[in-house]
């Protein structure tokens, strides 16, 4: 089985080396793809140098910052084109513990999409300010109420996808970024009746580097969630 970890980066030079090292410590049999949006801080140069040490390391350098969703789509396509059977998506800021990768892989034996969930067993978030927690938890509650998506952590970005799911949910038509991207991807898988499972993880907010969260991402999610419901009712998801 060929497994890819896909992680988008933009100005993550303070985290990327540690992330790659810890992924390899957790499981050195998987491939790692860094999708870098031409980071001004030289993140891609660090990755390029590390390729000499880690033969399982890949770099997809994009010309400019294009958003989280499009970076993930580009990375997923790369992995699919390189014969990936499983594709794991995770953040590059060390908020997702690489040690959980093997738990996601193990659970994928029985499920098509496995989500590393912050909310499936209480609230497992460390170092977040209260307002960030309220926004995140509220967005997930809003998503469940409006769309009916039965996932506690629809906005989470630590996921393991089976190849067949990504091949069948029309990822080329996805334009969402940020929170919206995570929700839309899971929503499309649910509509297609793929088997989805959440497993508990502990989410630790970044300790170095700058958060990419902004007002535009939150506004997009607010309007995208009812749009997804409407598109389903109109039969637009094929």
Protein backbone atom coordinates (compact mmCIF):
# COMPACT_ATOMS: atom_id res chain seq x y z
CA UNK A 1 0.00 0.00 0.00
CA UNK A 2 1.34 3.42 -0.97
CA UNK A 3 0.59 6.20 1.50
CA UNK A 4 1.17 9.93 1.07
CA UNK A 5 1.08 12.66 3.70
CA UNK A 6 0.17 15.99 2.09
CA UNK A 7 0.93 19.20 3.97
CA UNK A 8 0.57 22.72 2.50
CA UNK A 9 3.02 25.41 3.61
CA UNK A 10 3.35 29.15 3.48
CA UNK A 11 6.10 30.66 5.64
CA UNK A 12 6.59 27.58 7.82
CA UNK A 13 10.41 27.50 7.98
CA UNK A 14 10.29 27.35 11.78
CA UNK A 15 8.19 24.17 11.78
CA UNK A 16 8.82 22.23 8.58
CA UNK A 17 12.04 20.45 9.53
CA UNK A 18 10.59 19.22 12.82
CA UNK A 19 7.41 18.10 11.09
CA UNK A 20 9.26 16.04 8.48
CA UNK A 21 11.49 14.47 11.13
CA UNK A 22 8.55 13.51 13.33
CA UNK A 23 6.54 12.06 10.45
CA UNK A 24 9.48 9.85 9.60
CA UNK A 25 9.88 8.84 13.23
CA UNK A 26 6.22 7.84 13.31
CA UNK A 27 6.32 5.96 10.01
CA UNK A 28 9.23 6.04 7.57
CA UNK A 29 7.42 3.85 5.04
CA UNK A 30 5.15 6.64 3.81
CA UNK A 31 5.79 9.44 1.33
CA UNK A 32 5.67 13.09 2.41
CA UNK A 33 4.57 15.83 0.02
CA UNK A 34 5.07 19.46 0.95
CA UNK A 35 2.99 21.83 -1.19
CA UNK A 36 4.64 25.23 -0.82
CA UNK A 37 3.11 28.44 -2.15
CA UNK A 38 6.49 30.05 -2.92
CA UNK A 39 7.04 31.04 0.72
CA UNK A 40 9.07 34.26 1.04
CA UNK A 41 10.76 32.83 4.15
CA UNK A 42 12.38 30.04 2.13
CA UNK A 43 10.36 27.08 3.43
CA UNK A 44 10.72 25.36 0.06
CA UNK A 45 14.52 25.70 0.19
CA UNK A 46 14.60 23.87 3.52
CA UNK A 47 12.45 21.10 2.09
CA UNK A 48 14.63 20.86 -1.00
CA UNK A 49 17.73 20.41 1.16
CA UNK A 50 16.02 17.78 3.30
CA UNK A 51 15.25 15.73 0.19
CA UNK A 52 18.91 14.65 0.24
CA UNK A 53 18.35 13.04 3.63
CA UNK A 54 14.78 11.78 3.22
CA UNK A 55 14.22 9.92 -0.04
CA UNK A 56 10.47 9.72 0.72
CA UNK A 57 10.18 13.53 0.68
CA UNK A 58 8.56 15.35 -2.25
CA UNK A 59 8.17 19.08 -2.94
CA UNK A 60 5.49 20.70 -5.05
CA UNK A 61 6.33 24.39 -5.32
CA UNK A 62 3.55 26.63 -6.61
CA UNK A 63 4.16 30.05 -8.15
CA UNK A 64 2.19 32.04 -5.60
CA UNK A 65 -0.08 31.87 -2.58
CA UNK A 66 -3.30 30.31 -3.82
CA UNK A 67 -5.09 29.31 -0.63
CA UNK A 68 -5.27 26.23 1.57
CA UNK A 69 -7.96 24.44 -0.40
CA UNK A 70 -6.25 24.74 -3.77
CA UNK A 71 -2.94 23.67 -2.20
CA UNK A 72 -4.55 20.52 -0.82
CA UNK A 73 -6.22 19.77 -4.16
CA UNK A 74 -2.88 20.16 -5.96
CA UNK A 75 -1.22 17.88 -3.42
CA UNK A 76 -3.95 15.26 -3.60
CA UNK A 77 -3.72 15.19 -7.39
CA UNK A 78 0.05 14.76 -7.17
CA UNK A 79 -0.37 11.86 -4.76
CA UNK A 80 -3.04 10.22 -6.91
CA UNK A 81 -0.78 10.56 -9.96
CA UNK A 82 1.98 8.84 -7.95
CA UNK A 83 -0.24 5.82 -7.21
CA UNK A 84 -1.24 6.68 -3.64
CA UNK A 85 -3.74 4.28 -2.03
CA UNK A 86 -4.20 6.45 1.08
CA UNK A 87 -3.72 10.21 1.35
CA UNK A 88 -3.32 11.85 4.74
CA UNK A 89 -3.76 15.60 5.00
CA UNK A 90 -2.30 17.52 7.92
CA UNK A 91 -1.24 21.01 8.93
CA UNK A 92 2.42 21.96 8.81
CA UNK A 93 2.44 24.02 12.02
CA UNK A 94 2.81 21.04 14.41
CA UNK A 95 -0.77 21.39 15.66
CA UNK A 96 -1.41 17.86 14.36
CA UNK A 97 0.69 15.28 16.16
CA UNK A 98 2.48 13.05 13.59
CA UNK A 99 2.25 10.18 16.09
CA UNK A 100 -1.47 9.92 15.23
CA UNK A 101 -0.71 9.06 11.60
CA UNK A 102 -0.61 5.33 12.34
CA UNK A 103 -3.98 5.51 14.13
CA UNK A 104 -5.53 7.08 11.02
CA UNK A 105 -3.99 4.42 8.80
CA UNK A 106 -5.17 1.59 11.03
CA UNK A 107 -8.73 2.90 11.17
CA UNK A 108 -8.81 3.32 7.38
CA UNK A 109 -8.88 -0.47 7.05
CA UNK A 110 -12.60 -0.27 7.83
CA UNK A 111 -13.51 3.28 6.76
CA UNK A 112 -13.19 5.39 3.62
CA UNK A 113 -12.51 8.69 5.39
CA UNK A 114 -10.97 8.91 8.85
CA UNK A 115 -10.97 12.26 10.62
CA UNK A 116 -8.68 13.20 13.49
CA UNK A 117 -11.29 14.93 15.63
CA UNK A 118 -10.86 17.60 18.31
CA UNK A 119 -14.46 17.23 19.47
CA UNK A 120 -15.44 13.56 19.26
CA UNK A 121 -14.54 12.95 22.91
CA UNK A 122 -15.03 16.28 24.61
CA UNK A 123 -12.89 19.26 23.60
CA UNK A 124 -9.26 18.28 23.03
CA UNK A 125 -7.65 21.61 22.22
CA UNK A 126 -4.52 23.03 23.86
CA UNK A 127 -3.27 26.67 23.86
CA UNK A 128 -6.17 28.15 21.91
CA UNK A 129 -7.58 31.48 23.10
CA UNK A 130 -11.20 31.20 24.16
CA UNK A 131 -12.53 33.17 21.18
CA UNK A 132 -10.83 30.80 18.70
CA UNK A 133 -12.38 27.81 20.45
CA UNK A 134 -15.84 29.40 20.35
CA UNK A 135 -15.48 30.20 16.64
CA UNK A 136 -14.33 26.67 15.79
CA UNK A 137 -16.87 24.86 17.94
CA UNK A 138 -19.64 27.18 16.76
CA UNK A 139 -18.73 26.64 13.10
CA UNK A 140 -19.00 22.88 13.56
CA UNK A 141 -22.35 23.16 15.32
CA UNK A 142 -23.61 25.50 12.58
CA UNK A 143 -22.41 23.04 9.94
CA UNK A 144 -24.26 20.09 11.52
CA UNK A 145 -27.50 22.03 11.96
CA UNK A 146 -27.60 23.50 8.45
CA UNK A 147 -26.28 20.60 6.36
CA UNK A 148 -27.09 17.57 8.51
CA UNK A 149 -23.46 16.43 8.20
CA UNK A 150 -23.06 14.06 11.20
CA UNK A 151 -19.45 14.97 11.99
CA UNK A 152 -18.32 16.59 15.24
CA UNK A 153 -15.20 18.15 13.70
CA UNK A 154 -16.05 19.03 10.10
CA UNK A 155 -13.57 21.92 10.11
CA UNK A 156 -10.62 19.77 11.19
CA UNK A 157 -7.74 19.31 8.76
CA UNK A 158 -6.22 16.01 9.93
CA UNK A 159 -7.76 13.35 7.67
CA UNK A 160 -7.00 10.09 5.93
CA UNK A 161 -8.68 9.53 2.55
CA UNK A 162 -8.96 6.37 0.53
CA UNK A 163 -8.06 6.87 -3.10
CA UNK A 164 -11.51 5.95 -4.36
CA UNK A 165 -13.15 8.76 -2.38
CA UNK A 166 -10.99 11.49 -3.88
CA UNK A 167 -11.51 10.03 -7.32
CA UNK A 168 -15.29 10.18 -6.96
CA UNK A 169 -16.14 13.47 -5.23
CA UNK A 170 -15.06 15.74 -8.11
CA UNK A 171 -12.28 17.63 -6.34
CA UNK A 172 -11.67 19.71 -9.48
CA UNK A 173 -14.92 21.58 -8.84
CA UNK A 174 -14.02 22.62 -5.27
CA UNK A 175 -13.22 26.29 -4.82
CA UNK A 176 -13.48 26.58 -1.03
CA UNK A 177 -10.55 27.52 1.18
CA UNK A 178 -9.94 27.27 4.94
CA UNK A 179 -12.84 26.06 7.10
CA UNK A 180 -15.07 25.83 4.03
CA UNK A 181 -12.70 23.48 2.22
CA UNK A 182 -12.63 21.03 5.12
CA UNK A 183 -16.41 21.06 5.45
CA UNK A 184 -17.10 20.74 1.73
CA UNK A 185 -14.71 17.81 1.27
CA UNK A 186 -16.28 15.83 4.10
CA UNK A 187 -19.79 16.80 2.97
CA UNK A 188 -19.18 15.49 -0.54
CA UNK A 189 -17.87 12.20 0.85
CA UNK A 190 -20.93 11.88 3.11
CA UNK A 191 -23.32 12.59 0.22
CA UNK A 192 -21.65 9.79 -1.73
CA UNK A 193 -22.34 7.52 1.26
CA UNK A 194 -18.73 6.71 1.99
CA UNK A 195 -18.00 5.32 5.44
CA UNK A 196 -16.70 8.09 7.70
CA UNK A 197 -15.17 7.73 11.15
CA UNK A 198 -13.78 10.21 13.68
CA UNK A 199 -10.98 9.30 16.07
CA UNK A 200 -9.90 11.54 18.96
CA UNK A 201 -6.75 13.63 18.66
CA UNK A 202 -5.26 16.36 20.80
CA UNK A 203 -4.90 19.59 18.87
CA UNK A 204 -2.06 21.81 20.08
CA UNK A 205 -2.04 25.34 18.70
CA UNK A 206 1.14 26.43 16.99
CA UNK A 207 3.89 27.73 19.27
CA UNK A 208 6.00 29.32 16.51
CA UNK A 209 5.06 31.04 13.27
CA UNK A 210 1.92 32.97 12.42
CA UNK A 211 -1.64 31.69 12.20
CA UNK A 212 -3.25 31.85 8.75
CA UNK A 213 -6.77 32.33 10.17
CA UNK A 214 -8.45 35.57 9.12
CA UNK A 215 -11.86 37.22 8.82
CA UNK A 216 -12.23 36.31 5.13
CA UNK A 217 -11.94 32.58 5.93
CA UNK A 218 -14.67 32.83 8.55
CA UNK A 219 -17.00 34.80 6.26
CA UNK A 220 -16.50 32.29 3.46
CA UNK A 221 -17.44 29.43 5.77
CA UNK A 222 -20.54 31.25 7.02
CA UNK A 223 -21.95 31.55 3.49
CA UNK A 224 -20.58 28.29 2.09
CA UNK A 225 -22.37 26.05 4.59
CA UNK A 226 -25.95 26.94 3.49
CA UNK A 227 -24.73 26.94 -0.12
CA UNK A 228 -23.68 23.30 0.27
CA UNK A 229 -27.13 22.42 1.57
CA UNK A 230 -28.77 24.22 -1.34
CA UNK A 231 -26.52 22.54 -3.92
CA UNK A 232 -27.44 19.15 -2.49
CA UNK A 233 -31.16 19.94 -2.67
CA UNK A 234 -30.70 21.03 -6.29
CA UNK A 235 -28.88 17.78 -7.08
CA UNK A 236 -25.68 19.57 -8.11
CA UNK A 237 -23.29 17.06 -6.50
CA UNK A 238 -22.66 14.32 -9.01
